Amino acid sequence: MCHRKGLKKDITAVVNNEVVFLRQGTTIEKLLADREIKNRESVWVNENQILPAEYSTFVLQEGDEVKYL
């Protein structure tokens, strides 16, 4: 396998009880957009509620558990 400097790797997270692979650097905003989620009341990461103002800057990490309503 060839690794090139600057390429982003995949991480594993659990999103609404489903194991998913995400690109390293994925924000909550990107995750929701990729899943075509437009109306959400709240997003929780590792049992901590994330404010909507943080969605564009909150970067998901390996093993995070994300829940959205």
Protein backbone atom coordinates (compact mmCIF):
# COMPACT_ATOMS: atom_id res chain seq x y z
CA MET A 1 0.00 0.00 0.00
CA CYS A 2 1.35 3.39 -0.93
CA HIS A 3 0.99 6.29 1.50
CA ARG A 4 1.41 9.81 0.20
CA LYS A 5 2.00 12.82 2.38
CA GLY A 6 -1.13 14.93 2.74
CA LEU A 7 -3.69 12.21 1.96
CA LYS A 8 -6.46 11.95 4.50
CA LYS A 9 -7.14 8.54 5.99
CA ASP A 10 -10.44 7.02 7.00
CA ILE A 11 -11.65 6.87 10.58
CA THR A 12 -14.36 4.69 12.06
CA ALA A 13 -17.26 6.21 13.98
CA VAL A 14 -20.68 5.06 15.12
CA VAL A 15 -23.51 7.20 13.73
CA ASN A 16 -26.98 6.48 15.09
CA ASN A 17 -25.86 2.93 16.02
CA GLU A 18 -24.31 2.26 12.59
CA VAL A 19 -20.55 1.81 12.11
CA VAL A 20 -19.40 4.15 9.35
CA PHE A 21 -16.12 5.09 7.72
CA LEU A 22 -15.43 8.81 7.44
CA ARG A 23 -12.59 10.81 5.98
CA GLN A 24 -10.27 12.16 8.64
CA GLY A 25 -11.18 15.81 9.21
CA THR A 26 -14.94 15.27 8.75
CA THR A 27 -17.00 17.86 10.61
CA ILE A 28 -20.51 17.40 11.93
CA GLU A 29 -21.72 19.77 9.21
CA LYS A 30 -20.11 17.60 6.49
CA LEU A 31 -21.46 14.38 8.02
CA LEU A 32 -25.01 15.74 8.08
CA ALA A 33 -24.72 17.11 4.53
CA ASP A 34 -23.35 13.80 3.21
CA ARG A 35 -26.29 11.99 4.81
CA GLU A 36 -28.70 14.61 3.40
CA ILE A 37 -29.91 15.48 6.89
CA LYS A 38 -31.42 18.95 6.80
CA ASN A 39 -33.75 19.06 9.79
CA ARG A 40 -32.14 18.00 13.03
CA GLU A 41 -33.08 19.00 16.53
CA SER A 42 -29.82 18.05 18.18
CA VAL A 43 -26.50 16.32 17.65
CA TRP A 44 -24.64 14.45 20.37
CA VAL A 45 -21.04 13.22 20.22
CA ASN A 46 -19.92 10.83 22.93
CA GLU A 47 -22.97 11.79 24.99
CA ASN A 48 -22.16 15.54 24.81
CA GLN A 49 -24.60 17.80 23.01
CA ILE A 50 -22.95 19.91 20.31
CA LEU A 51 -24.28 23.39 19.62
CA PRO A 52 -25.36 24.16 16.04
CA ALA A 53 -22.77 26.96 15.92
CA GLU A 54 -20.06 24.29 16.36
CA TYR A 55 -21.20 21.97 13.54
CA SER A 56 -18.85 23.51 10.96
CA THR A 57 -15.77 23.36 13.21
CA PHE A 58 -16.32 20.22 15.31
CA VAL A 59 -14.07 17.55 13.75
CA LEU A 60 -15.02 13.94 14.39
CA GLN A 61 -12.35 11.59 15.74
CA GLU A 62 -11.68 7.87 15.56
CA GLY A 63 -14.24 5.96 17.64
CA ASP A 64 -16.65 8.86 18.19
CA GLU A 65 -20.27 7.94 18.80
CA VAL A 66 -22.61 10.38 17.06
CA LYS A 67 -26.36 10.59 17.53
CA TYR A 68 -28.68 13.05 15.89
CA LEU A 69 -32.41 13.54 16.13
